[in-house]
Amino acid sequence: MSSSTSSHTVLLIQASPRLDSRTWADYESLTDALDAICKMFEEFLSKKSAGPVTYDVSQVYEFLDKLSDISIMIFNRETGQYIGRTRAWIKQQVYEMMRGRCQHPEGGEKVIVGY
């Protein structure tokens, strides 16, 4: 992840084509925003499963692709402006975060969540 991991970050989501599904949240860092995205996905999975669930990054990608829109704006301290980032960029950052947290000997990046 980039040096912007400690910069104020705004997460913008439109869950469906309906305009009233737009929402936003702000975080102290990019890492916090990425964690929030993964938590949203985990909550989505927990509604579909009674017990612990496992998932990999491809399932997170599918979840992100089903959103009508998602973007992130990260504060750049040097310029005093926010830099917008796309869905593709967010997916790459989620991948890097999961890879760093979930290295398995087989090379997979599976996560187990219990609710």
PDB file of N, CA and C in Angstrom:
ATOM      1  N   MET A   1       0.843  -1.180   0.000  1.00  0.00           N
ATOM      2  CA  MET A   1       0.000   0.000   0.000  1.00  0.00           C
ATOM      3  C   MET A   1       0.882   1.235   0.000  1.00  0.00           C
ATOM      4  N   SER A   2       0.318   2.313  -0.370  1.00  0.00           N
ATOM      5  CA  SER A   2       1.078   3.538  -0.542  1.00  0.00           C
ATOM      6  C   SER A   2       1.269   4.268   0.776  1.00  0.00           C
ATOM      7  N   SER A   3       2.029   5.355   0.730  1.00  0.00           N
ATOM      8  CA  SER A   3       2.279   6.161   1.922  1.00  0.00           C
ATOM      9  C   SER A   3       1.025   6.892   2.387  1.00  0.00           C
ATOM     10  N   SER A   4      -0.043   6.831   1.596  1.00  0.00           N
ATOM     11  CA  SER A   4      -1.279   7.503   1.961  1.00  0.00           C
ATOM     12  C   SER A   4      -2.096   6.711   2.980  1.00  0.00           C
ATOM     13  N   THR A   5      -1.547   5.596   3.471  1.00  0.00           N
ATOM     14  CA  THR A   5      -2.305   4.753   4.388  1.00  0.00           C
ATOM     15  C   THR A   5      -2.669   5.481   5.669  1.00  0.00           C
ATOM     16  N   SER A   6      -1.949   6.550   6.019  1.00  0.00           N
ATOM     17  CA  SER A   6      -2.266   7.276   7.250  1.00  0.00           C
ATOM     18  C   SER A   6      -2.986   8.598   6.984  1.00  0.00           C
ATOM     19  N   SER A   7      -3.461   8.809   5.770  1.00  0.00           N
ATOM     20  CA  SER A   7      -4.145  10.049   5.416  1.00  0.00           C
ATOM     21  C   SER A   7      -5.660   9.893   5.526  1.00  0.00           C
ATOM     22  N   HIS A   8      -6.325  10.982   5.877  1.00  0.00           N
ATOM     23  CA  HIS A   8      -7.787  10.991   5.962  1.00  0.00           C
ATOM     24  C   HIS A   8      -8.357  10.467   4.655  1.00  0.00           C
ATOM     25  N   THR A   9      -9.340   9.563   4.759  1.00  0.00           N
ATOM     26  CA  THR A   9      -9.896   8.886   3.594  1.00  0.00           C
ATOM     27  C   THR A   9     -11.417   8.925   3.650  1.00  0.00           C
ATOM     28  N   VAL A  10     -12.034   9.228   2.514  1.00  0.00           N
ATOM     29  CA  VAL A  10     -13.492   9.237   2.397  1.00  0.00           C
ATOM     30  C   VAL A  10     -13.885   8.104   1.456  1.00  0.00           C
ATOM     31  N   LEU A  11     -14.779   7.232   1.936  1.00  0.00           N
ATOM     32  CA  LEU A  11     -15.290   6.110   1.160  1.00  0.00           C
ATOM     33  C   LEU A  11     -16.679   6.476   0.651  1.00  0.00           C
ATOM     34  N   LEU A  12     -16.878   6.409  -0.661  1.00  0.00           N
ATOM     35  CA  LEU A  12     -18.149   6.742  -1.299  1.00  0.00           C
ATOM     36  C   LEU A  12     -18.718   5.483  -1.937  1.00  0.00           C
ATOM     37  N   ILE A  13     -19.956   5.140  -1.592  1.00  0.00           N
ATOM     38  CA  ILE A  13     -20.576   3.920  -2.108  1.00  0.00           C
ATOM     39  C   ILE A  13     -21.983   4.219  -2.596  1.00  0.00           C
ATOM     40  N   GLN A  14     -22.323   3.642  -3.743  1.00  0.00           N
ATOM     41  CA  GLN A  14     -23.698   3.608  -4.213  1.00  0.00           C
ATOM     42  C   GLN A  14     -24.009   2.135  -4.410  1.00  0.00           C
ATOM     43  N   ALA A  15     -24.825   1.579  -3.508  1.00  0.00           N
ATOM     44  CA  ALA A  15     -25.070   0.139  -3.479  1.00  0.00           C
ATOM     45  C   ALA A  15     -25.907  -0.359  -4.649  1.00  0.00           C
ATOM     46  N   SER A  16     -26.834   0.466  -5.133  1.00  0.00           N
ATOM     47  CA  SER A  16     -27.731   0.059  -6.222  1.00  0.00           C
ATOM     48  C   SER A  16     -27.904   1.238  -7.174  1.00  0.00           C
ATOM     49  N   PRO A  17     -28.620   1.038  -8.263  1.00  0.00           N
ATOM     50  CA  PRO A  17     -28.850   2.162  -9.183  1.00  0.00           C
ATOM     51  C   PRO A  17     -29.659   3.306  -8.560  1.00  0.00           C
ATOM     52  N   ARG A  18     -30.375   3.017  -7.500  1.00  0.00           N
ATOM     53  CA  ARG A  18     -31.190   4.054  -6.851  1.00  0.00           C
ATOM     54  C   ARG A  18     -30.283   5.105  -6.198  1.00  0.00           C
ATOM     55  N   LEU A  19     -30.569   6.361  -6.463  1.00  0.00           N
ATOM     56  CA  LEU A  19     -29.752   7.445  -5.921  1.00  0.00           C
ATOM     57  C   LEU A  19     -29.770   7.485  -4.396  1.00  0.00           C
ATOM     58  N   ASP A  20     -30.878   7.032  -3.795  1.00  0.00           N
ATOM     59  CA  ASP A  20     -30.941   7.071  -2.343  1.00  0.00           C
ATOM     60  C   ASP A  20     -30.118   5.956  -1.681  1.00  0.00           C
ATOM     61  N   SER A  21     -29.427   5.132  -2.490  1.00  0.00           N
ATOM     62  CA  SER A  21     -28.530   4.121  -1.922  1.00  0.00           C
ATOM     63  C   SER A  21     -27.110   4.668  -1.760  1.00  0.00           C
ATOM     64  N   ARG A  22     -26.915   5.923  -2.105  1.00  0.00           N
ATOM     65  CA  ARG A  22     -25.595   6.544  -1.941  1.00  0.00           C
ATOM     66  C   ARG A  22     -25.306   6.785  -0.465  1.00  0.00           C
ATOM     67  N   THR A  23     -24.073   6.510  -0.090  1.00  0.00           N
ATOM     68  CA  THR A  23     -23.648   6.763   1.277  1.00  0.00           C
ATOM     69  C   THR A  23     -22.146   7.051   1.277  1.00  0.00           C
ATOM     70  N   TRP A  24     -21.681   7.595   2.366  1.00  0.00           N
ATOM     71  CA  TRP A  24     -20.257   7.863   2.485  1.00  0.00           C
ATOM     72  C   TRP A  24     -19.859   7.718   3.949  1.00  0.00           C
ATOM     73  N   ALA A  25     -18.589   7.518   4.160  1.00  0.00           N
ATOM     74  CA  ALA A  25     -18.032   7.458   5.512  1.00  0.00           C
ATOM     75  C   ALA A  25     -16.603   7.951   5.434  1.00  0.00           C
ATOM     76  N   ASP A  26     -16.150   8.548   6.513  1.00  0.00           N
ATOM     77  CA  ASP A  26     -14.761   8.999   6.511  1.00  0.00           C
ATOM     78  C   ASP A  26     -13.971   8.233   7.560  1.00  0.00           C
ATOM     79  N   TYR A  27     -12.690   8.072   7.279  1.00  0.00           N
ATOM     80  CA  TYR A  27     -11.792   7.271   8.105  1.00  0.00           C
ATOM     81  C   TYR A  27     -10.484   8.020   8.297  1.00  0.00           C
ATOM     82  N   GLU A  28      -9.800   7.682   9.359  1.00  0.00           N
ATOM     83  CA  GLU A  28      -8.507   8.316   9.658  1.00  0.00           C
ATOM     84  C   GLU A  28      -7.398   7.857   8.725  1.00  0.00           C
ATOM     85  N   SER A  29      -7.617   6.711   8.056  1.00  0.00           N
ATOM     86  CA  SER A  29      -6.568   6.179   7.179  1.00  0.00           C
ATOM     87  C   SER A  29      -7.179   5.330   6.076  1.00  0.00           C
ATOM     88  N   LEU A  30      -6.399   5.081   5.047  1.00  0.00           N
ATOM     89  CA  LEU A  30      -6.805   4.177   3.982  1.00  0.00           C
ATOM     90  C   LEU A  30      -7.016   2.781   4.535  1.00  0.00           C
ATOM     91  N   THR A  31      -6.145   2.341   5.416  1.00  0.00           N
ATOM     92  CA  THR A  31      -6.278   1.013   6.011  1.00  0.00           C
ATOM     93  C   THR A  31      -7.619   0.861   6.712  1.00  0.00           C
ATOM     94  N   ASP A  32      -8.041   1.880   7.450  1.00  0.00           N
ATOM     95  CA  ASP A  32      -9.344   1.832   8.125  1.00  0.00           C
ATOM     96  C   ASP A  32     -10.480   1.721   7.110  1.00  0.00           C
ATOM     97  N   ALA A  33     -10.384   2.438   6.007  1.00  0.00           N
ATOM     98  CA  ALA A  33     -11.423   2.383   4.972  1.00  0.00           C
ATOM     99  C   ALA A  33     -11.464   1.004   4.318  1.00  0.00           C
ATOM    100  N   LEU A  34     -10.307   0.422   4.038  1.00  0.00           N
ATOM    101  CA  LEU A  34     -10.262  -0.915   3.446  1.00  0.00           C
ATOM    102  C   LEU A  34     -10.812  -1.953   4.415  1.00  0.00           C
ATOM    103  N   ASP A  35     -10.495  -1.798   5.693  1.00  0.00           N
ATOM    104  CA  ASP A  35     -11.064  -2.685   6.714  1.00  0.00           C
ATOM    105  C   ASP A  35     -12.587  -2.580   6.724  1.00  0.00           C
ATOM    106  N   ALA A  36     -13.109  -1.373   6.570  1.00  0.00           N
ATOM    107  CA  ALA A  36     -14.557  -1.167   6.554  1.00  0.00           C
ATOM    108  C   ALA A  36     -15.190  -1.860   5.345  1.00  0.00           C
ATOM    109  N   ILE A  37     -14.534  -1.804   4.205  1.00  0.00           N
ATOM    110  CA  ILE A  37     -15.031  -2.492   3.013  1.00  0.00           C
ATOM    111  C   ILE A  37     -15.099  -3.998   3.278  1.00  0.00           C
ATOM    112  N   CYS A  38     -14.043  -4.555   3.848  1.00  0.00           N
ATOM    113  CA  CYS A  38     -14.032  -5.990   4.143  1.00  0.00           C
ATOM    114  C   CYS A  38     -15.092  -6.340   5.177  1.00  0.00           C
ATOM    115  N   LYS A  39     -15.294  -5.475   6.151  1.00  0.00           N
ATOM    116  CA  LYS A  39     -16.325  -5.722   7.165  1.00  0.00           C
ATOM    117  C   LYS A  39     -17.721  -5.704   6.525  1.00  0.00           C
ATOM    118  N   MET A  40     -17.957  -4.786   5.593  1.00  0.00           N
ATOM    119  CA  MET A  40     -19.237  -4.765   4.875  1.00  0.00           C
ATOM    120  C   MET A  40     -19.464  -6.088   4.152  1.00  0.00           C
ATOM    121  N   PHE A  41     -18.414  -6.578   3.499  1.00  0.00           N
ATOM    122  CA  PHE A  41     -18.523  -7.846   2.785  1.00  0.00           C
ATOM    123  C   PHE A  41     -18.787  -8.982   3.766  1.00  0.00           C
ATOM    124  N   GLU A  42     -18.081  -8.998   4.881  1.00  0.00           N
ATOM    125  CA  GLU A  42     -18.271 -10.043   5.888  1.00  0.00           C
ATOM    126  C   GLU A  42     -19.689 -10.015   6.460  1.00  0.00           C
ATOM    127  N   GLU A  43     -20.239  -8.822   6.659  1.00  0.00           N
ATOM    128  CA  GLU A  43     -21.621  -8.715   7.132  1.00  0.00           C
ATOM    129  C   GLU A  43     -22.587  -9.244   6.079  1.00  0.00           C
ATOM    130  N   PHE A  44     -22.310  -8.958   4.816  1.00  0.00           N
ATOM    131  CA  PHE A  44     -23.111  -9.482   3.718  1.00  0.00           C
ATOM    132  C   PHE A  44     -23.085 -11.015   3.734  1.00  0.00           C
ATOM    133  N   LEU A  45     -21.896 -11.595   3.909  1.00  0.00           N
ATOM    134  CA  LEU A  45     -21.772 -13.053   3.955  1.00  0.00           C
ATOM    135  C   LEU A  45     -22.470 -13.643   5.176  1.00  0.00           C
ATOM    136  N   SER A  46     -22.361 -12.977   6.304  1.00  0.00           N
ATOM    137  CA  SER A  46     -22.949 -13.517   7.538  1.00  0.00           C
ATOM    138  C   SER A  46     -24.469 -13.593   7.451  1.00  0.00           C
ATOM    139  N   LYS A  47     -25.075 -12.739   6.641  1.00  0.00           N
ATOM    140  CA  LYS A  47     -26.530 -12.786   6.445  1.00  0.00           C
ATOM    141  C   LYS A  47     -26.935 -14.008   5.631  1.00  0.00           C
ATOM    142  N   LYS A  48     -26.001 -14.544   4.843  1.00  0.00           N
ATOM    143  CA  LYS A  48     -26.282 -15.682   3.984  1.00  0.00           C
ATOM    144  C   LYS A  48     -25.902 -17.019   4.632  1.00  0.00           C
ATOM    145  N   SER A  49     -25.169 -16.985   5.764  1.00  0.00           N
ATOM    146  CA  SER A  49     -24.667 -18.206   6.366  1.00  0.00           C
ATOM    147  C   SER A  49     -24.886 -18.188   7.878  1.00  0.00           C
ATOM    148  N   ALA A  50     -25.272 -19.318   8.420  1.00  0.00           N
ATOM    149  CA  ALA A  50     -25.535 -19.400   9.858  1.00  0.00           C
ATOM    150  C   ALA A  50     -24.246 -19.556  10.672  1.00  0.00           C
ATOM    151  N   GLY A  51     -23.220 -20.126  10.103  1.00  0.00           N
ATOM    152  CA  GLY A  51     -21.990 -20.377  10.837  1.00  0.00           C
ATOM    153  C   GLY A  51     -20.822 -19.604  10.275  1.00  0.00           C
ATOM    154  N   PRO A  52     -19.630 -20.010  10.671  1.00  0.00           N
ATOM    155  CA  PRO A  52     -18.427 -19.358  10.130  1.00  0.00           C
ATOM    156  C   PRO A  52     -18.368 -19.503   8.610  1.00  0.00           C
ATOM    157  N   VAL A  53     -17.847 -18.506   7.960  1.00  0.00           N
ATOM    158  CA  VAL A  53     -17.730 -18.531   6.503  1.00  0.00           C
ATOM    159  C   VAL A  53     -16.276 -18.319   6.112  1.00  0.00           C
ATOM    160  N   THR A  54     -15.921 -18.851   4.964  1.00  0.00           N
ATOM    161  CA  THR A  54     -14.596 -18.584   4.411  1.00  0.00           C
ATOM    162  C   THR A  54     -14.793 -17.872   3.077  1.00  0.00           C
ATOM    163  N   TYR A  55     -13.815 -17.067   2.733  1.00  0.00           N
ATOM    164  CA  TYR A  55     -13.880 -16.396   1.443  1.00  0.00           C
ATOM    165  C   TYR A  55     -12.483 -16.059   0.975  1.00  0.00           C
ATOM    166  N   ASP A  56     -12.388 -15.774  -0.309  1.00  0.00           N
ATOM    167  CA  ASP A  56     -11.121 -15.335  -0.870  1.00  0.00           C
ATOM    168  C   ASP A  56     -11.325 -14.008  -1.592  1.00  0.00           C
ATOM    169  N   VAL A  57     -10.249 -13.478  -2.089  1.00  0.00           N
ATOM    170  CA  VAL A  57     -10.291 -12.135  -2.661  1.00  0.00           C
ATOM    171  C   VAL A  57     -11.204 -12.059  -3.880  1.00  0.00           C
ATOM    172  N   SER A  58     -11.343 -13.149  -4.631  1.00  0.00           N
ATOM    173  CA  SER A  58     -12.211 -13.108  -5.810  1.00  0.00           C
ATOM    174  C   SER A  58     -13.664 -12.853  -5.411  1.00  0.00           C
ATOM    175  N   GLN A  59     -14.077 -13.353  -4.244  1.00  0.00           N
ATOM    176  CA  GLN A  59     -15.438 -13.110  -3.774  1.00  0.00           C
ATOM    177  C   GLN A  59     -15.621 -11.657  -3.341  1.00  0.00           C
ATOM    178  N   VAL A  60     -14.587 -11.069  -2.768  1.00  0.00           N
ATOM    179  CA  VAL A  60     -14.651  -9.648  -2.418  1.00  0.00           C
ATOM    180  C   VAL A  60     -14.754  -8.827  -3.701  1.00  0.00           C
ATOM    181  N   TYR A  61     -13.982  -9.189  -4.722  1.00  0.00           N
ATOM    182  CA  TYR A  61     -14.056  -8.502  -6.012  1.00  0.00           C
ATOM    183  C   TYR A  61     -15.463  -8.562  -6.580  1.00  0.00           C
ATOM    184  N   GLU A  62     -16.074  -9.736  -6.528  1.00  0.00           N
ATOM    185  CA  GLU A  62     -17.425  -9.904  -7.056  1.00  0.00           C
ATOM    186  C   GLU A  62     -18.406  -8.996  -6.305  1.00  0.00           C
ATOM    187  N   PHE A  63     -18.259  -8.938  -4.991  1.00  0.00           N
ATOM    188  CA  PHE A  63     -19.095  -8.058  -4.163  1.00  0.00           C
ATOM    189  C   PHE A  63     -18.909  -6.598  -4.590  1.00  0.00           C
ATOM    190  N   LEU A  64     -17.665  -6.173  -4.755  1.00  0.00           N
ATOM    191  CA  LEU A  64     -17.384  -4.792  -5.155  1.00  0.00           C
ATOM    192  C   LEU A  64     -17.919  -4.499  -6.557  1.00  0.00           C
ATOM    193  N   ASP A  65     -17.837  -5.467  -7.452  1.00  0.00           N
ATOM    194  CA  ASP A  65     -18.328  -5.274  -8.815  1.00  0.00           C
ATOM    195  C   ASP A  65     -19.842  -5.149  -8.876  1.00  0.00           C
ATOM    196  N   LYS A  66     -20.547  -5.735  -7.910  1.00  0.00           N
ATOM    197  CA  LYS A  66     -22.012  -5.656  -7.891  1.00  0.00           C
ATOM    198  C   LYS A  66     -22.521  -4.313  -7.366  1.00  0.00           C
ATOM    199  N   LEU A  67     -21.670  -3.552  -6.702  1.00  0.00           N
ATOM    200  CA  LEU A  67     -22.070  -2.211  -6.269  1.00  0.00           C
ATOM    201  C   LEU A  67     -22.207  -1.320  -7.496  1.00  0.00           C
ATOM    202  N   SER A  68     -23.194  -0.445  -7.495  1.00  0.00           N
ATOM    203  CA  SER A  68     -23.335   0.472  -8.628  1.00  0.00           C
ATOM    204  C   SER A  68     -22.123   1.378  -8.763  1.00  0.00           C
ATOM    205  N   ASP A  69     -21.581   1.806  -7.627  1.00  0.00           N
ATOM    206  CA  ASP A  69     -20.385   2.653  -7.664  1.00  0.00           C
ATOM    207  C   ASP A  69     -19.672   2.576  -6.329  1.00  0.00           C
ATOM    208  N   ILE A  70     -18.371   2.655  -6.370  1.00  0.00           N
ATOM    209  CA  ILE A  70     -17.550   2.753  -5.169  1.00  0.00           C
ATOM    210  C   ILE A  70     -16.294   3.521  -5.549  1.00  0.00           C
ATOM    211  N   SER A  71     -15.907   4.429  -4.693  1.00  0.00           N
ATOM    212  CA  SER A  71     -14.658   5.157  -4.896  1.00  0.00           C
ATOM    213  C   SER A  71     -14.138   5.611  -3.540  1.00  0.00           C
ATOM    214  N   ILE A  72     -12.896   6.012  -3.550  1.00  0.00           N
ATOM    215  CA  ILE A  72     -12.233   6.493  -2.341  1.00  0.00           C
ATOM    216  C   ILE A  72     -11.541   7.800  -2.678  1.00  0.00           C
ATOM    217  N   MET A  73     -11.579   8.712  -1.733  1.00  0.00           N
ATOM    218  CA  MET A  73     -10.826   9.960  -1.865  1.00  0.00           C
ATOM    219  C   MET A  73      -9.855  10.033  -0.688  1.00  0.00           C
ATOM    220  N   ILE A  74      -8.569  10.215  -1.001  1.00  0.00           N
ATOM    221  CA  ILE A  74      -7.513  10.218   0.016  1.00  0.00           C
ATOM    222  C   ILE A  74      -6.881  11.605   0.065  1.00  0.00           C
ATOM    223  N   PHE A  75      -6.775  12.138   1.278  1.00  0.00           N
ATOM    224  CA  PHE A  75      -6.203  13.468   1.451  1.00  0.00           C
ATOM    225  C   PHE A  75      -4.702  13.438   1.203  1.00  0.00           C
ATOM    226  N   ASN A  76      -4.246  14.347   0.342  1.00  0.00           N
ATOM    227  CA  ASN A  76      -2.823  14.511   0.062  1.00  0.00           C
ATOM    228  C   ASN A  76      -2.333  15.701   0.869  1.00  0.00           C
ATOM    229  N   ARG A  77      -1.520  15.450   1.852  1.00  0.00           N
ATOM    230  CA  ARG A  77      -1.045  16.520   2.745  1.00  0.00           C
ATOM    231  C   ARG A  77      -0.167  17.544   2.034  1.00  0.00           C
ATOM    232  N   GLU A  78       0.553  17.107   1.018  1.00  0.00           N
ATOM    233  CA  GLU A  78       1.441  18.024   0.296  1.00  0.00           C
ATOM    234  C   GLU A  78       0.669  19.079  -0.469  1.00  0.00           C
ATOM    235  N   THR A  79      -0.443  18.671  -1.097  1.00  0.00           N
ATOM    236  CA  THR A  79      -1.200  19.605  -1.921  1.00  0.00           C
ATOM    237  C   THR A  79      -2.425  20.174  -1.203  1.00  0.00           C
ATOM    238  N   GLY A  80      -2.829  19.535  -0.095  1.00  0.00           N
ATOM    239  CA  GLY A  80      -4.032  19.967   0.608  1.00  0.00           C
ATOM    240  C   GLY A  80      -5.312  19.609  -0.132  1.00  0.00           C
ATOM    241  N   GLN A  81      -5.228  18.628  -1.037  1.00  0.00           N
ATOM    242  CA  GLN A  81      -6.385  18.213  -1.834  1.00  0.00           C
ATOM    243  C   GLN A  81      -6.621  16.716  -1.673  1.00  0.00           C
ATOM    244  N   TYR A  82      -7.837  16.294  -2.047  1.00  0.00           N
ATOM    245  CA  TYR A  82      -8.164  14.875  -2.041  1.00  0.00           C
ATOM    246  C   TYR A  82      -7.911  14.291  -3.425  1.00  0.00           C
ATOM    247  N   ILE A  83      -7.391  13.071  -3.443  1.00  0.00           N
ATOM    248  CA  ILE A  83      -7.124  12.346  -4.681  1.00  0.00           C
ATOM    249  C   ILE A  83      -8.155  11.229  -4.794  1.00  0.00           C
ATOM    250  N   GLY A  84      -8.902  11.214  -5.889  1.00  0.00           N
ATOM    251  CA  GLY A  84      -9.911  10.183  -6.108  1.00  0.00           C
ATOM    252  C   GLY A  84      -9.297   8.892  -6.623  1.00  0.00           C
ATOM    253  N   ARG A  85      -9.826   7.776  -6.151  1.00  0.00           N
ATOM    254  CA  ARG A  85      -9.360   6.457  -6.587  1.00  0.00           C
ATOM    255  C   ARG A  85     -10.550   5.627  -7.054  1.00  0.00           C
ATOM    256  N   THR A  86     -10.336   4.814  -8.069  1.00  0.00           N
ATOM    257  CA  THR A  86     -11.388   4.043  -8.725  1.00  0.00           C
ATOM    258  C   THR A  86     -11.627   2.684  -8.068  1.00  0.00           C
ATOM    259  N   ARG A  87     -12.675   2.024  -8.544  1.00  0.00           N
ATOM    260  CA  ARG A  87     -13.001   0.668  -8.098  1.00  0.00           C
ATOM    261  C   ARG A  87     -11.806  -0.269  -8.321  1.00  0.00           C
ATOM    262  N   ALA A  88     -11.193  -0.195  -9.505  1.00  0.00           N
ATOM    263  CA  ALA A  88     -10.055  -1.076  -9.811  1.00  0.00           C
ATOM    264  C   ALA A  88      -8.914  -0.852  -8.822  1.00  0.00           C
ATOM    265  N   TRP A  89      -8.642   0.391  -8.495  1.00  0.00           N
ATOM    266  CA  TRP A  89      -7.586   0.707  -7.535  1.00  0.00           C
ATOM    267  C   TRP A  89      -7.945   0.156  -6.154  1.00  0.00           C
ATOM    268  N   ILE A  90      -9.188   0.300  -5.755  1.00  0.00           N
ATOM    269  CA  ILE A  90      -9.645  -0.219  -4.456  1.00  0.00           C
ATOM    270  C   ILE A  90      -9.469  -1.734  -4.422  1.00  0.00           C
ATOM    271  N   LYS A  91      -9.847  -2.411  -5.496  1.00  0.00           N
ATOM    272  CA  LYS A  91      -9.705  -3.870  -5.543  1.00  0.00           C
ATOM    273  C   LYS A  91      -8.242  -4.278  -5.380  1.00  0.00           C
ATOM    274  N   GLN A  92      -7.340  -3.565  -6.010  1.00  0.00           N
ATOM    275  CA  GLN A  92      -5.912  -3.873  -5.876  1.00  0.00           C
ATOM    276  C   GLN A  92      -5.451  -3.671  -4.433  1.00  0.00           C
ATOM    277  N   GLN A  93      -5.910  -2.610  -3.792  1.00  0.00           N
ATOM    278  CA  GLN A  93      -5.527  -2.344  -2.408  1.00  0.00           C
ATOM    279  C   GLN A  93      -6.090  -3.398  -1.451  1.00  0.00           C
ATOM    280  N   VAL A  94      -7.329  -3.839  -1.693  1.00  0.00           N
ATOM    281  CA  VAL A  94      -7.925  -4.909  -0.882  1.00  0.00           C
ATOM    282  C   VAL A  94      -7.099  -6.179  -1.047  1.00  0.00           C
ATOM    283  N   TYR A  95      -6.722  -6.492  -2.281  1.00  0.00           N
ATOM    284  CA  TYR A  95      -5.900  -7.673  -2.538  1.00  0.00           C
ATOM    285  C   TYR A  95      -4.589  -7.605  -1.758  1.00  0.00           C
ATOM    286  N   GLU A  96      -3.910  -6.472  -1.840  1.00  0.00           N
ATOM    287  CA  GLU A  96      -2.634  -6.323  -1.150  1.00  0.00           C
ATOM    288  C   GLU A  96      -2.807  -6.443   0.361  1.00  0.00           C
ATOM    289  N   MET A  97      -3.883  -5.879   0.893  1.00  0.00           N
ATOM    290  CA  MET A  97      -4.135  -5.960   2.328  1.00  0.00           C
ATOM    291  C   MET A  97      -4.391  -7.418   2.734  1.00  0.00           C
ATOM    292  N   MET A  98      -5.250  -8.126   1.977  1.00  0.00           N
ATOM    293  CA  MET A  98      -5.550  -9.523   2.306  1.00  0.00           C
ATOM    294  C   MET A  98      -4.318 -10.408   2.156  1.00  0.00           C
ATOM    295  N   ARG A  99      -3.529 -10.158   1.137  1.00  0.00           N
ATOM    296  CA  ARG A  99      -2.312 -10.952   0.924  1.00  0.00           C
ATOM    297  C   ARG A  99      -1.357 -10.783   2.099  1.00  0.00           C
ATOM    298  N   GLY A 100      -1.243  -9.561   2.583  1.00  0.00           N
ATOM    299  CA  GLY A 100      -0.356  -9.301   3.716  1.00  0.00           C
ATOM    300  C   GLY A 100      -0.841  -9.906   5.018  1.00  0.00           C
ATOM    301  N   ARG A 101      -2.148 -10.046   5.172  1.00  0.00           N
ATOM    302  CA  ARG A 101      -2.716 -10.553   6.427  1.00  0.00           C
ATOM    303  C   ARG A 101      -2.929 -12.052   6.440  1.00  0.00           C
ATOM    304  N   CYS A 102      -3.055 -12.672   5.268  1.00  0.00           N
ATOM    305  CA  CYS A 102      -3.512 -14.065   5.211  1.00  0.00           C
ATOM    306  C   CYS A 102      -2.624 -14.948   4.362  1.00  0.00           C
ATOM    307  N   GLN A 103      -1.355 -14.920   4.560  1.00  0.00           N
ATOM    308  CA  GLN A 103      -0.478 -15.797   3.796  1.00  0.00           C
ATOM    309  C   GLN A 103      -0.605 -17.226   4.306  1.00  0.00           C
ATOM    310  N   HIS A 104      -0.908 -18.143   3.397  1.00  0.00           N
ATOM    311  CA  HIS A 104      -1.022 -19.556   3.728  1.00  0.00           C
ATOM    312  C   HIS A 104       0.055 -20.317   2.967  1.00  0.00           C
ATOM    313  N   PRO A 105       0.522 -21.439   3.525  1.00  0.00           N
ATOM    314  CA  PRO A 105       1.558 -22.224   2.843  1.00  0.00           C
ATOM    315  C   PRO A 105       1.160 -22.642   1.425  1.00  0.00           C
ATOM    316  N   GLU A 106      -0.137 -22.880   1.202  1.00  0.00           N
ATOM    317  CA  GLU A 106      -0.576 -23.292  -0.134  1.00  0.00           C
ATOM    318  C   GLU A 106      -0.634 -22.133  -1.109  1.00  0.00           C
ATOM    319  N   GLY A 107      -0.459 -20.916  -0.618  1.00  0.00           N
ATOM    320  CA  GLY A 107      -0.476 -19.757  -1.490  1.00  0.00           C
ATOM    321  C   GLY A 107      -1.839 -19.114  -1.630  1.00  0.00           C
ATOM    322  N   GLY A 108      -2.865 -19.666  -1.005  1.00  0.00           N
ATOM    323  CA  GLY A 108      -4.208 -19.088  -1.095  1.00  0.00           C
ATOM    324  C   GLY A 108      -4.400 -17.982  -0.084  1.00  0.00           C
ATOM    325  N   GLU A 109      -5.406 -17.157  -0.326  1.00  0.00           N
ATOM    326  CA  GLU A 109      -5.730 -16.096   0.608  1.00  0.00           C
ATOM    327  C   GLU A 109      -7.167 -16.270   1.098  1.00  0.00           C
ATOM    328  N   LYS A 110      -7.405 -17.312   1.869  1.00  0.00           N
ATOM    329  CA  LYS A 110      -8.747 -17.554   2.421  1.00  0.00           C
ATOM    330  C   LYS A 110      -8.852 -16.919   3.796  1.00  0.00           C
ATOM    331  N   VAL A 111     -10.018 -16.412   4.081  1.00  0.00           N
ATOM    332  CA  VAL A 111     -10.295 -15.788   5.368  1.00  0.00           C
ATOM    333  C   VAL A 111     -11.469 -16.516   5.985  1.00  0.00           C
ATOM    334  N   ILE A 112     -11.399 -16.767   7.286  1.00  0.00           N
ATOM    335  CA  ILE A 112     -12.496 -17.406   8.004  1.00  0.00           C
ATOM    336  C   ILE A 112     -13.088 -16.385   8.959  1.00  0.00           C
ATOM    337  N   VAL A 113     -14.391 -16.236   8.889  1.00  0.00           N
ATOM    338  CA  VAL A 113     -15.077 -15.273   9.734  1.00  0.00           C
ATOM    339  C   VAL A 113     -16.148 -16.007  10.534  1.00  0.00           C
ATOM    340  N   GLY A 114     -16.166 -15.826  11.823  1.00  0.00           N
ATOM    341  CA  GLY A 114     -17.203 -16.441  12.649  1.00  0.00           C
ATOM    342  C   GLY A 114     -18.088 -15.392  13.270  1.00  0.00           C
ATOM    343  N   TYR A 115     -19.379 -15.555  13.133  1.00  0.00           N
ATOM    344  CA  TYR A 115     -20.341 -14.636  13.726  1.00  0.00           C
ATOM    345  C   TYR A 115     -21.287 -15.410  14.599  1.00  0.00           C
TER     346      TYR A 115
END
